[in-house]
Amino acid sequence: GLYYAAIPALAERWTGRLFSIDTLGCGLSSRPKWPHPYGHRCPPKLAEKFFVDAIEAWRQQMGLETMVLLGHSMGGLLAIAYAERHVGRQLKPSRLSLGCQPVTAARLGEK
């Protein structure tokens, strides 16, 4: 996808280590059993917590004290959610794009 096409350009400009991770259940990542009984009707905050907790577990497993977390589409939303829940773990909370619907973007004050 578009995100993977951007990785070489990001690597050219970044002096630190660069990791590209797939959100659980996306791309080439594993597809663990969904832990909530709601199925596809899971409340958004519960789903967000599931994915943010997975990012934090990955950070700990990798031994990273801090990181710059970029995301595209849902990953952009998760990067912001991660920054809110784990203050101080991100050097520069960022996103490449949020992938929001226009109504959602308007609620966030974006164009």
PDB file of N, CA and C in Angstrom:
ATOM      1  N   GLY A   1       0.810  -1.185   0.000  1.00  0.00           N
ATOM      2  CA  GLY A   1       0.000   0.000   0.000  1.00  0.00           C
ATOM      3  C   GLY A   1       0.859   1.257   0.000  1.00  0.00           C
ATOM      4  N   LEU A   2       0.198   2.365   0.121  1.00  0.00           N
ATOM      5  CA  LEU A   2       0.877   3.663   0.121  1.00  0.00           C
ATOM      6  C   LEU A   2       1.859   3.795   1.272  1.00  0.00           C
ATOM      7  N   TYR A   3       1.496   3.275   2.428  1.00  0.00           N
ATOM      8  CA  TYR A   3       2.368   3.397   3.599  1.00  0.00           C
ATOM      9  C   TYR A   3       3.705   2.702   3.354  1.00  0.00           C
ATOM     10  N   TYR A   4       3.664   1.503   2.824  1.00  0.00           N
ATOM     11  CA  TYR A   4       4.905   0.765   2.585  1.00  0.00           C
ATOM     12  C   TYR A   4       5.773   1.449   1.540  1.00  0.00           C
ATOM     13  N   ALA A   5       5.152   2.112   0.570  1.00  0.00           N
ATOM     14  CA  ALA A   5       5.911   2.837  -0.451  1.00  0.00           C
ATOM     15  C   ALA A   5       6.666   4.016   0.153  1.00  0.00           C
ATOM     16  N   ALA A   6       6.198   4.549   1.275  1.00  0.00           N
ATOM     17  CA  ALA A   6       6.841   5.699   1.921  1.00  0.00           C
ATOM     18  C   ALA A   6       8.026   5.303   2.794  1.00  0.00           C
ATOM     19  N   ILE A   7       8.167   4.046   3.139  1.00  0.00           N
ATOM     20  CA  ILE A   7       9.209   3.618   4.080  1.00  0.00           C
ATOM     21  C   ILE A   7      10.620   3.934   3.591  1.00  0.00           C
ATOM     22  N   PRO A   8      10.986   3.685   2.338  1.00  0.00           N
ATOM     23  CA  PRO A   8      12.348   4.041   1.903  1.00  0.00           C
ATOM     24  C   PRO A   8      12.650   5.534   2.075  1.00  0.00           C
ATOM     25  N   ALA A   9      11.685   6.395   1.781  1.00  0.00           N
ATOM     26  CA  ALA A   9      11.896   7.837   1.956  1.00  0.00           C
ATOM     27  C   ALA A   9      12.048   8.190   3.430  1.00  0.00           C
ATOM     28  N   LEU A  10      11.270   7.554   4.292  1.00  0.00           N
ATOM     29  CA  LEU A  10      11.411   7.788   5.730  1.00  0.00           C
ATOM     30  C   LEU A  10      12.786   7.331   6.210  1.00  0.00           C
ATOM     31  N   ALA A  11      13.231   6.193   5.737  1.00  0.00           N
ATOM     32  CA  ALA A  11      14.530   5.642   6.151  1.00  0.00           C
ATOM     33  C   ALA A  11      15.680   6.552   5.728  1.00  0.00           C
ATOM     34  N   GLU A  12      15.557   7.204   4.577  1.00  0.00           N
ATOM     35  CA  GLU A  12      16.614   8.110   4.113  1.00  0.00           C
ATOM     36  C   GLU A  12      16.762   9.325   5.017  1.00  0.00           C
ATOM     37  N   ARG A  13      15.679   9.745   5.651  1.00  0.00           N
ATOM     38  CA  ARG A  13      15.684  10.970   6.447  1.00  0.00           C
ATOM     39  C   ARG A  13      15.828  10.725   7.950  1.00  0.00           C
ATOM     40  N   TRP A  14      15.727   9.508   8.360  1.00  0.00           N
ATOM     41  CA  TRP A  14      15.736   9.177   9.788  1.00  0.00           C
ATOM     42  C   TRP A  14      17.095   8.622  10.168  1.00  0.00           C
ATOM     43  N   THR A  15      17.657   9.109  11.267  1.00  0.00           N
ATOM     44  CA  THR A  15      18.979   8.640  11.678  1.00  0.00           C
ATOM     45  C   THR A  15      18.912   7.520  12.707  1.00  0.00           C
ATOM     46  N   GLY A  16      17.750   7.284  13.292  1.00  0.00           N
ATOM     47  CA  GLY A  16      17.616   6.221  14.280  1.00  0.00           C
ATOM     48  C   GLY A  16      17.201   4.911  13.639  1.00  0.00           C
ATOM     49  N   ARG A  17      16.859   3.947  14.481  1.00  0.00           N
ATOM     50  CA  ARG A  17      16.357   2.668  13.972  1.00  0.00           C
ATOM     51  C   ARG A  17      14.933   2.867  13.485  1.00  0.00           C
ATOM     52  N   LEU A  18      14.589   2.205  12.409  1.00  0.00           N
ATOM     53  CA  LEU A  18      13.258   2.329  11.824  1.00  0.00           C
ATOM     54  C   LEU A  18      12.603   0.956  11.791  1.00  0.00           C
ATOM     55  N   PHE A  19      11.436   0.862  12.398  1.00  0.00           N
ATOM     56  CA  PHE A  19      10.657  -0.374  12.392  1.00  0.00           C
ATOM     57  C   PHE A  19       9.350  -0.098  11.665  1.00  0.00           C
ATOM     58  N   SER A  20       8.872  -1.058  10.949  1.00  0.00           N
ATOM     59  CA  SER A  20       7.557  -0.962  10.318  1.00  0.00           C
ATOM     60  C   SER A  20       6.730  -2.119  10.861  1.00  0.00           C
ATOM     61  N   ILE A  21       5.719  -1.787  11.625  1.00  0.00           N
ATOM     62  CA  ILE A  21       4.900  -2.837  12.233  1.00  0.00           C
ATOM     63  C   ILE A  21       3.481  -2.784  11.661  1.00  0.00           C
ATOM     64  N   ASP A  22       2.899  -3.934  11.494  1.00  0.00           N
ATOM     65  CA  ASP A  22       1.498  -4.028  11.095  1.00  0.00           C
ATOM     66  C   ASP A  22       0.655  -4.108  12.357  1.00  0.00           C
ATOM     67  N   THR A  23      -0.455  -3.404  12.359  1.00  0.00           N
ATOM     68  CA  THR A  23      -1.405  -3.520  13.451  1.00  0.00           C
ATOM     69  C   THR A  23      -1.923  -4.955  13.473  1.00  0.00           C
ATOM     70  N   LEU A  24      -2.147  -5.492  14.663  1.00  0.00           N
ATOM     71  CA  LEU A  24      -2.666  -6.857  14.765  1.00  0.00           C
ATOM     72  C   LEU A  24      -3.880  -7.038  13.864  1.00  0.00           C
ATOM     73  N   GLY A  25      -3.866  -8.113  13.106  1.00  0.00           N
ATOM     74  CA  GLY A  25      -4.973  -8.418  12.214  1.00  0.00           C
ATOM     75  C   GLY A  25      -4.906  -7.723  10.868  1.00  0.00           C
ATOM     76  N   CYS A  26      -3.875  -6.914  10.650  1.00  0.00           N
ATOM     77  CA  CYS A  26      -3.723  -6.179   9.384  1.00  0.00           C
ATOM     78  C   CYS A  26      -2.439  -6.618   8.683  1.00  0.00           C
ATOM     79  N   GLY A  27      -2.408  -6.461   7.374  1.00  0.00           N
ATOM     80  CA  GLY A  27      -1.192  -6.768   6.623  1.00  0.00           C
ATOM     81  C   GLY A  27      -0.712  -8.181   6.876  1.00  0.00           C
ATOM     82  N   LEU A  28       0.565  -8.305   7.224  1.00  0.00           N
ATOM     83  CA  LEU A  28       1.167  -9.622   7.447  1.00  0.00           C
ATOM     84  C   LEU A  28       1.225 -10.010   8.922  1.00  0.00           C
ATOM     85  N   SER A  29       0.575  -9.230   9.791  1.00  0.00           N
ATOM     86  CA  SER A  29       0.630  -9.542  11.219  1.00  0.00           C
ATOM     87  C   SER A  29      -0.259 -10.735  11.556  1.00  0.00           C
ATOM     88  N   SER A  30      -0.084 -11.219  12.778  1.00  0.00           N
ATOM     89  CA  SER A  30      -0.921 -12.331  13.230  1.00  0.00           C
ATOM     90  C   SER A  30      -2.354 -11.844  13.432  1.00  0.00           C
ATOM     91  N   ARG A  31      -3.257 -12.779  13.452  1.00  0.00           N
ATOM     92  CA  ARG A  31      -4.661 -12.459  13.657  1.00  0.00           C
ATOM     93  C   ARG A  31      -5.152 -13.181  14.914  1.00  0.00           C
ATOM     94  N   PRO A  32      -4.836 -12.592  16.063  1.00  0.00           N
ATOM     95  CA  PRO A  32      -5.247 -13.251  17.306  1.00  0.00           C
ATOM     96  C   PRO A  32      -6.766 -13.240  17.454  1.00  0.00           C
ATOM     97  N   LYS A  33      -7.242 -14.147  18.264  1.00  0.00           N
ATOM     98  CA  LYS A  33      -8.682 -14.205  18.537  1.00  0.00           C
ATOM     99  C   LYS A  33      -9.095 -12.891  19.194  1.00  0.00           C
ATOM    100  N   TRP A  34     -10.171 -12.315  18.705  1.00  0.00           N
ATOM    101  CA  TRP A  34     -10.679 -11.060  19.261  1.00  0.00           C
ATOM    102  C   TRP A  34     -11.110 -11.305  20.701  1.00  0.00           C
ATOM    103  N   PRO A  35     -10.582 -10.523  21.655  1.00  0.00           N
ATOM    104  CA  PRO A  35     -10.826 -10.823  23.065  1.00  0.00           C
ATOM    105  C   PRO A  35     -12.176 -10.348  23.598  1.00  0.00           C
ATOM    106  N   HIS A  36     -12.971  -9.678  22.790  1.00  0.00           N
ATOM    107  CA  HIS A  36     -14.226  -9.123  23.288  1.00  0.00           C
ATOM    108  C   HIS A  36     -15.423  -9.862  22.698  1.00  0.00           C
ATOM    109  N   PRO A  37     -16.446 -10.090  23.498  1.00  0.00           N
ATOM    110  CA  PRO A  37     -17.610 -10.837  23.025  1.00  0.00           C
ATOM    111  C   PRO A  37     -18.497 -10.037  22.067  1.00  0.00           C
ATOM    112  N   TYR A  38     -18.176  -8.758  21.842  1.00  0.00           N
ATOM    113  CA  TYR A  38     -19.027  -7.895  21.019  1.00  0.00           C
ATOM    114  C   TYR A  38     -18.864  -8.144  19.526  1.00  0.00           C
ATOM    115  N   GLY A  39     -17.802  -8.839  19.130  1.00  0.00           N
ATOM    116  CA  GLY A  39     -17.540  -9.036  17.710  1.00  0.00           C
ATOM    117  C   GLY A  39     -17.300  -7.713  17.014  1.00  0.00           C
ATOM    118  N   HIS A  40     -17.893  -7.539  15.842  1.00  0.00           N
ATOM    119  CA  HIS A  40     -17.695  -6.304  15.084  1.00  0.00           C
ATOM    120  C   HIS A  40     -18.434  -5.113  15.690  1.00  0.00           C
ATOM    121  N   ARG A  41     -19.214  -5.344  16.719  1.00  0.00           N
ATOM    122  CA  ARG A  41     -19.935  -4.257  17.392  1.00  0.00           C
ATOM    123  C   ARG A  41     -19.207  -3.784  18.647  1.00  0.00           C
ATOM    124  N   CYS A  42     -17.964  -4.098  18.757  1.00  0.00           N
ATOM    125  CA  CYS A  42     -17.165  -3.717  19.919  1.00  0.00           C
ATOM    126  C   CYS A  42     -17.139  -2.196  20.067  1.00  0.00           C
ATOM    127  N   PRO A  43     -17.350  -1.683  21.279  1.00  0.00           N
ATOM    128  CA  PRO A  43     -17.253  -0.237  21.481  1.00  0.00           C
ATOM    129  C   PRO A  43     -15.865   0.267  21.053  1.00  0.00           C
ATOM    130  N   PRO A  44     -15.803   1.390  20.343  1.00  0.00           N
ATOM    131  CA  PRO A  44     -14.523   1.890  19.826  1.00  0.00           C
ATOM    132  C   PRO A  44     -13.425   2.023  20.877  1.00  0.00           C
ATOM    133  N   LYS A  45     -13.749   2.465  22.076  1.00  0.00           N
ATOM    134  CA  LYS A  45     -12.712   2.640  23.106  1.00  0.00           C
ATOM    135  C   LYS A  45     -12.104   1.301  23.526  1.00  0.00           C
ATOM    136  N   LEU A  46     -12.905   0.237  23.545  1.00  0.00           N
ATOM    137  CA  LEU A  46     -12.362  -1.088  23.866  1.00  0.00           C
ATOM    138  C   LEU A  46     -11.433  -1.571  22.758  1.00  0.00           C
ATOM    139  N   ALA A  47     -11.837  -1.358  21.513  1.00  0.00           N
ATOM    140  CA  ALA A  47     -10.988  -1.754  20.385  1.00  0.00           C
ATOM    141  C   ALA A  47      -9.693  -0.952  20.399  1.00  0.00           C
ATOM    142  N   GLU A  48      -9.808   0.351  20.639  1.00  0.00           N
ATOM    143  CA  GLU A  48      -8.619   1.210  20.705  1.00  0.00           C
ATOM    144  C   GLU A  48      -7.654   0.714  21.779  1.00  0.00           C
ATOM    145  N   LYS A  49      -8.190   0.380  22.952  1.00  0.00           N
ATOM    146  CA  LYS A  49      -7.343  -0.114  24.048  1.00  0.00           C
ATOM    147  C   LYS A  49      -6.627  -1.402  23.644  1.00  0.00           C
ATOM    148  N   PHE A  50      -7.327  -2.300  22.975  1.00  0.00           N
ATOM    149  CA  PHE A  50      -6.729  -3.560  22.525  1.00  0.00           C
ATOM    150  C   PHE A  50      -5.505  -3.292  21.651  1.00  0.00           C
ATOM    151  N   PHE A  51      -5.648  -2.412  20.663  1.00  0.00           N
ATOM    152  CA  PHE A  51      -4.551  -2.144  19.737  1.00  0.00           C
ATOM    153  C   PHE A  51      -3.430  -1.333  20.385  1.00  0.00           C
ATOM    154  N   VAL A  52      -3.773  -0.350  21.213  1.00  0.00           N
ATOM    155  CA  VAL A  52      -2.744   0.450  21.894  1.00  0.00           C
ATOM    156  C   VAL A  52      -1.959  -0.423  22.867  1.00  0.00           C
ATOM    157  N   ASP A  53      -2.638  -1.308  23.575  1.00  0.00           N
ATOM    158  CA  ASP A  53      -1.940  -2.231  24.480  1.00  0.00           C
ATOM    159  C   ASP A  53      -0.964  -3.119  23.705  1.00  0.00           C
ATOM    160  N   ALA A  54      -1.344  -3.524  22.496  1.00  0.00           N
ATOM    161  CA  ALA A  54      -0.451  -4.348  21.668  1.00  0.00           C
ATOM    162  C   ALA A  54       0.792  -3.561  21.257  1.00  0.00           C
ATOM    163  N   ILE A  55       0.627  -2.280  20.935  1.00  0.00           N
ATOM    164  CA  ILE A  55       1.785  -1.438  20.592  1.00  0.00           C
ATOM    165  C   ILE A  55       2.700  -1.295  21.798  1.00  0.00           C
ATOM    166  N   GLU A  56       2.117  -1.082  22.969  1.00  0.00           N
ATOM    167  CA  GLU A  56       2.927  -0.935  24.182  1.00  0.00           C
ATOM    168  C   GLU A  56       3.660  -2.234  24.507  1.00  0.00           C
ATOM    169  N   ALA A  57       3.000  -3.375  24.343  1.00  0.00           N
ATOM    170  CA  ALA A  57       3.668  -4.663  24.580  1.00  0.00           C
ATOM    171  C   ALA A  57       4.841  -4.836  23.614  1.00  0.00           C
ATOM    172  N   TRP A  58       4.659  -4.432  22.359  1.00  0.00           N
ATOM    173  CA  TRP A  58       5.744  -4.507  21.367  1.00  0.00           C
ATOM    174  C   TRP A  58       6.906  -3.605  21.782  1.00  0.00           C
ATOM    175  N   ARG A  59       6.599  -2.363  22.221  1.00  0.00           N
ATOM    176  CA  ARG A  59       7.651  -1.435  22.654  1.00  0.00           C
ATOM    177  C   ARG A  59       8.471  -2.042  23.786  1.00  0.00           C
ATOM    178  N   GLN A  60       7.790  -2.614  24.751  1.00  0.00           N
ATOM    179  CA  GLN A  60       8.486  -3.231  25.882  1.00  0.00           C
ATOM    180  C   GLN A  60       9.329  -4.414  25.423  1.00  0.00           C
ATOM    181  N   GLN A  61       8.769  -5.260  24.574  1.00  0.00           N
ATOM    182  CA  GLN A  61       9.494  -6.431  24.068  1.00  0.00           C
ATOM    183  C   GLN A  61      10.757  -6.012  23.317  1.00  0.00           C
ATOM    184  N   MET A  62      10.691  -4.904  22.589  1.00  0.00           N
ATOM    185  CA  MET A  62      11.838  -4.410  21.823  1.00  0.00           C
ATOM    186  C   MET A  62      12.842  -3.666  22.695  1.00  0.00           C
ATOM    187  N   GLY A  63      12.466  -3.360  23.941  1.00  0.00           N
ATOM    188  CA  GLY A  63      13.364  -2.649  24.841  1.00  0.00           C
ATOM    189  C   GLY A  63      13.537  -1.178  24.487  1.00  0.00           C
ATOM    190  N   LEU A  64      12.537  -0.592  23.860  1.00  0.00           N
ATOM    191  CA  LEU A  64      12.599   0.822  23.477  1.00  0.00           C
ATOM    192  C   LEU A  64      12.094   1.681  24.629  1.00  0.00           C
ATOM    193  N   GLU A  65      12.912   2.619  25.064  1.00  0.00           N
ATOM    194  CA  GLU A  65      12.496   3.527  26.133  1.00  0.00           C
ATOM    195  C   GLU A  65      11.501   4.556  25.592  1.00  0.00           C
ATOM    196  N   THR A  66      11.840   5.156  24.460  1.00  0.00           N
ATOM    197  CA  THR A  66      10.960   6.108  23.783  1.00  0.00           C
ATOM    198  C   THR A  66      10.977   5.803  22.291  1.00  0.00           C
ATOM    199  N   MET A  67      10.050   6.408  21.566  1.00  0.00           N
ATOM    200  CA  MET A  67       9.994   6.181  20.121  1.00  0.00           C
ATOM    201  C   MET A  67       9.223   7.308  19.460  1.00  0.00           C
ATOM    202  N   VAL A  68       9.390   7.419  18.171  1.00  0.00           N
ATOM    203  CA  VAL A  68       8.551   8.274  17.342  1.00  0.00           C
ATOM    204  C   VAL A  68       7.606   7.315  16.633  1.00  0.00           C
ATOM    205  N   LEU A  69       6.331   7.483  16.863  1.00  0.00           N
ATOM    206  CA  LEU A  69       5.339   6.564  16.313  1.00  0.00           C
ATOM    207  C   LEU A  69       4.559   7.272  15.219  1.00  0.00           C
ATOM    208  N   LEU A  70       4.692   6.779  14.014  1.00  0.00           N
ATOM    209  CA  LEU A  70       3.950   7.303  12.868  1.00  0.00           C
ATOM    210  C   LEU A  70       2.871   6.311  12.498  1.00  0.00           C
ATOM    211  N   GLY A  71       1.792   6.807  11.957  1.00  0.00           N
ATOM    212  CA  GLY A  71       0.751   5.902  11.520  1.00  0.00           C
ATOM    213  C   GLY A  71      -0.004   6.450  10.338  1.00  0.00           C
ATOM    214  N   HIS A  72      -0.562   5.545   9.565  1.00  0.00           N
ATOM    215  CA  HIS A  72      -1.378   5.908   8.406  1.00  0.00           C
ATOM    216  C   HIS A  72      -2.763   5.317   8.607  1.00  0.00           C
ATOM    217  N   SER A  73      -3.775   6.072   8.336  1.00  0.00           N
ATOM    218  CA  SER A  73      -5.155   5.641   8.447  1.00  0.00           C
ATOM    219  C   SER A  73      -5.447   5.240   9.899  1.00  0.00           C
ATOM    220  N   MET A  74      -5.894   4.018  10.147  1.00  0.00           N
ATOM    221  CA  MET A  74      -6.173   3.600  11.518  1.00  0.00           C
ATOM    222  C   MET A  74      -4.916   3.702  12.381  1.00  0.00           C
ATOM    223  N   GLY A  75      -3.756   3.450  11.795  1.00  0.00           N
ATOM    224  CA  GLY A  75      -2.503   3.577  12.537  1.00  0.00           C
ATOM    225  C   GLY A  75      -2.255   4.996  13.014  1.00  0.00           C
ATOM    226  N   GLY A  76      -2.710   5.993  12.248  1.00  0.00           N
ATOM    227  CA  GLY A  76      -2.594   7.388  12.676  1.00  0.00           C
ATOM    228  C   GLY A  76      -3.435   7.663  13.910  1.00  0.00           C
ATOM    229  N   LEU A  77      -4.643   7.115  13.918  1.00  0.00           N
ATOM    230  CA  LEU A  77      -5.499   7.254  15.096  1.00  0.00           C
ATOM    231  C   LEU A  77      -4.885   6.542  16.297  1.00  0.00           C
ATOM    232  N   LEU A  78      -4.302   5.367  16.062  1.00  0.00           N
ATOM    233  CA  LEU A  78      -3.682   4.625  17.160  1.00  0.00           C
ATOM    234  C   LEU A  78      -2.440   5.334  17.683  1.00  0.00           C
ATOM    235  N   ALA A  79      -1.688   6.017  16.813  1.00  0.00           N
ATOM    236  CA  ALA A  79      -0.511   6.775  17.259  1.00  0.00           C
ATOM    237  C   ALA A  79      -0.927   7.880  18.224  1.00  0.00           C
ATOM    238  N   ILE A  80      -2.027   8.548  17.913  1.00  0.00           N
ATOM    239  CA  ILE A  80      -2.531   9.599  18.797  1.00  0.00           C
ATOM    240  C   ILE A  80      -3.052   8.992  20.094  1.00  0.00           C
ATOM    241  N   ALA A  81      -3.802   7.902  20.006  1.00  0.00           N
ATOM    242  CA  ALA A  81      -4.324   7.240  21.205  1.00  0.00           C
ATOM    243  C   ALA A  81      -3.178   6.749  22.085  1.00  0.00           C
ATOM    244  N   TYR A  82      -2.119   6.222  21.461  1.00  0.00           N
ATOM    245  CA  TYR A  82      -0.952   5.764  22.221  1.00  0.00           C
ATOM    246  C   TYR A  82      -0.332   6.936  22.969  1.00  0.00           C
ATOM    247  N   ALA A  83      -0.176   8.067  22.302  1.00  0.00           N
ATOM    248  CA  ALA A  83       0.419   9.251  22.932  1.00  0.00           C
ATOM    249  C   ALA A  83      -0.410   9.713  24.126  1.00  0.00           C
ATOM    250  N   GLU A  84      -1.723   9.614  24.023  1.00  0.00           N
ATOM    251  CA  GLU A  84      -2.597  10.009  25.128  1.00  0.00           C
ATOM    252  C   GLU A  84      -2.461   9.068  26.319  1.00  0.00           C
ATOM    253  N   ARG A  85      -2.309   7.788  26.066  1.00  0.00           N
ATOM    254  CA  ARG A  85      -2.259   6.797  27.149  1.00  0.00           C
ATOM    255  C   ARG A  85      -0.867   6.595  27.728  1.00  0.00           C
ATOM    256  N   HIS A  86       0.147   6.878  26.946  1.00  0.00           N
ATOM    257  CA  HIS A  86       1.523   6.623  27.384  1.00  0.00           C
ATOM    258  C   HIS A  86       2.357   7.894  27.251  1.00  0.00           C
ATOM    259  N   VAL A  87       1.989   8.885  28.020  1.00  0.00           N
ATOM    260  CA  VAL A  87       2.664  10.182  27.982  1.00  0.00           C
ATOM    261  C   VAL A  87       4.148   9.987  28.289  1.00  0.00           C
ATOM    262  N   GLY A  88       4.994  10.582  27.471  1.00  0.00           N
ATOM    263  CA  GLY A  88       6.435  10.495  27.684  1.00  0.00           C
ATOM    264  C   GLY A  88       7.117   9.362  26.940  1.00  0.00           C
ATOM    265  N   ARG A  89       6.368   8.431  26.387  1.00  0.00           N
ATOM    266  CA  ARG A  89       6.976   7.318  25.649  1.00  0.00           C
ATOM    267  C   ARG A  89       7.291   7.698  24.207  1.00  0.00           C
ATOM    268  N   GLN A  90       6.604   8.721  23.709  1.00  0.00           N
ATOM    269  CA  GLN A  90       6.842   9.149  22.336  1.00  0.00           C
ATOM    270  C   GLN A  90       7.649  10.439  22.342  1.00  0.00           C
ATOM    271  N   LEU A  91       8.704  10.469  21.535  1.00  0.00           N
ATOM    272  CA  LEU A  91       9.484  11.685  21.402  1.00  0.00           C
ATOM    273  C   LEU A  91       8.704  12.743  20.631  1.00  0.00           C
ATOM    274  N   LYS A  92       8.034  12.311  19.592  1.00  0.00           N
ATOM    275  CA  LYS A  92       7.246  13.213  18.749  1.00  0.00           C
ATOM    276  C   LYS A  92       6.001  12.471  18.278  1.00  0.00           C
ATOM    277  N   PRO A  93       4.883  12.589  18.995  1.00  0.00           N
ATOM    278  CA  PRO A  93       3.677  11.932  18.502  1.00  0.00           C
ATOM    279  C   PRO A  93       3.347  12.472  17.114  1.00  0.00           C
ATOM    280  N   SER A  94       3.096  11.598  16.184  1.00  0.00           N
ATOM    281  CA  SER A  94       2.905  12.007  14.803  1.00  0.00           C
ATOM    282  C   SER A  94       1.914  11.106  14.110  1.00  0.00           C
ATOM    283  N   ARG A  95       1.482  11.546  12.948  1.00  0.00           N
ATOM    284  CA  ARG A  95       0.670  10.690  12.100  1.00  0.00           C
ATOM    285  C   ARG A  95       0.908  11.102  10.666  1.00  0.00           C
ATOM    286  N   LEU A  96       0.843  10.150   9.781  1.00  0.00           N
ATOM    287  CA  LEU A  96       0.973  10.442   8.356  1.00  0.00           C
ATOM    288  C   LEU A  96      -0.379  10.846   7.798  1.00  0.00           C
ATOM    289  N   SER A  97      -1.404  10.181   8.215  1.00  0.00           N
ATOM    290  CA  SER A  97      -2.777  10.542   7.848  1.00  0.00           C
ATOM    291  C   SER A  97      -3.713   9.781   8.769  1.00  0.00           C
ATOM    292  N   LEU A  98      -4.850  10.389   9.039  1.00  0.00           N
ATOM    293  CA  LEU A  98      -5.798   9.748   9.943  1.00  0.00           C
ATOM    294  C   LEU A  98      -6.757   8.809   9.241  1.00  0.00           C
ATOM    295  N   GLY A  99      -7.065   9.076   8.014  1.00  0.00           N
ATOM    296  CA  GLY A  99      -8.017   8.225   7.312  1.00  0.00           C
ATOM    297  C   GLY A  99      -9.423   8.340   7.854  1.00  0.00           C
ATOM    298  N   CYS A 100      -9.788   9.517   8.364  1.00  0.00           N
ATOM    299  CA  CYS A 100     -11.124   9.729   8.924  1.00  0.00           C
ATOM    300  C   CYS A 100     -12.132  10.049   7.834  1.00  0.00           C
ATOM    301  N   GLN A 101     -13.354   9.767   8.138  1.00  0.00           N
ATOM    302  CA  GLN A 101     -14.446  10.245   7.302  1.00  0.00           C
ATOM    303  C   GLN A 101     -14.549  11.757   7.503  1.00  0.00           C
ATOM    304  N   PRO A 102     -15.070  12.527   6.531  1.00  0.00           N
ATOM    305  CA  PRO A 102     -15.155  13.988   6.679  1.00  0.00           C
ATOM    306  C   PRO A 102     -15.858  14.440   7.953  1.00  0.00           C
ATOM    307  N   VAL A 103     -16.918  13.736   8.363  1.00  0.00           N
ATOM    308  CA  VAL A 103     -17.634  14.121   9.577  1.00  0.00           C
ATOM    309  C   VAL A 103     -16.733  13.966  10.791  1.00  0.00           C
ATOM    310  N   THR A 104     -15.995  12.858  10.868  1.00  0.00           N
ATOM    311  CA  THR A 104     -15.078  12.636  11.983  1.00  0.00           C
ATOM    312  C   THR A 104     -13.985  13.689  11.984  1.00  0.00           C
ATOM    313  N   ALA A 105     -13.418  13.996  10.827  1.00  0.00           N
ATOM    314  CA  ALA A 105     -12.366  15.004  10.732  1.00  0.00           C
ATOM    315  C   ALA A 105     -12.879  16.359  11.190  1.00  0.00           C
ATOM    316  N   ALA A 106     -14.120  16.697  10.847  1.00  0.00           N
ATOM    317  CA  ALA A 106     -14.692  17.971  11.270  1.00  0.00           C
ATOM    318  C   ALA A 106     -14.804  18.030  12.784  1.00  0.00           C
ATOM    319  N   ARG A 107     -15.151  16.919  13.407  1.00  0.00           N
ATOM    320  CA  ARG A 107     -15.235  16.878  14.868  1.00  0.00           C
ATOM    321  C   ARG A 107     -13.869  17.085  15.506  1.00  0.00           C
ATOM    322  N   LEU A 108     -12.822  16.640  14.814  1.00  0.00           N
ATOM    323  CA  LEU A 108     -11.464  16.801  15.317  1.00  0.00           C
ATOM    324  C   LEU A 108     -10.886  18.169  14.982  1.00  0.00           C
ATOM    325  N   GLY A 109     -11.632  18.985  14.231  1.00  0.00           N
ATOM    326  CA  GLY A 109     -11.162  20.311  13.872  1.00  0.00           C
ATOM    327  C   GLY A 109     -10.185  20.306  12.718  1.00  0.00           C
ATOM    328  N   GLU A 110     -10.166  19.250  11.931  1.00  0.00           N
ATOM    329  CA  GLU A 110      -9.263  19.166  10.789  1.00  0.00           C
ATOM    330  C   GLU A 110     -10.048  19.339   9.507  1.00  0.00           C
ATOM    331  N   LYS A 111      -9.333  19.640   8.445  1.00  0.00           N
ATOM    332  CA  LYS A 111      -9.971  19.786   7.129  1.00  0.00           C
ATOM    333  C   LYS A 111      -9.577  18.653   6.236  1.00  0.00           C
TER     334      LYS A 111
END
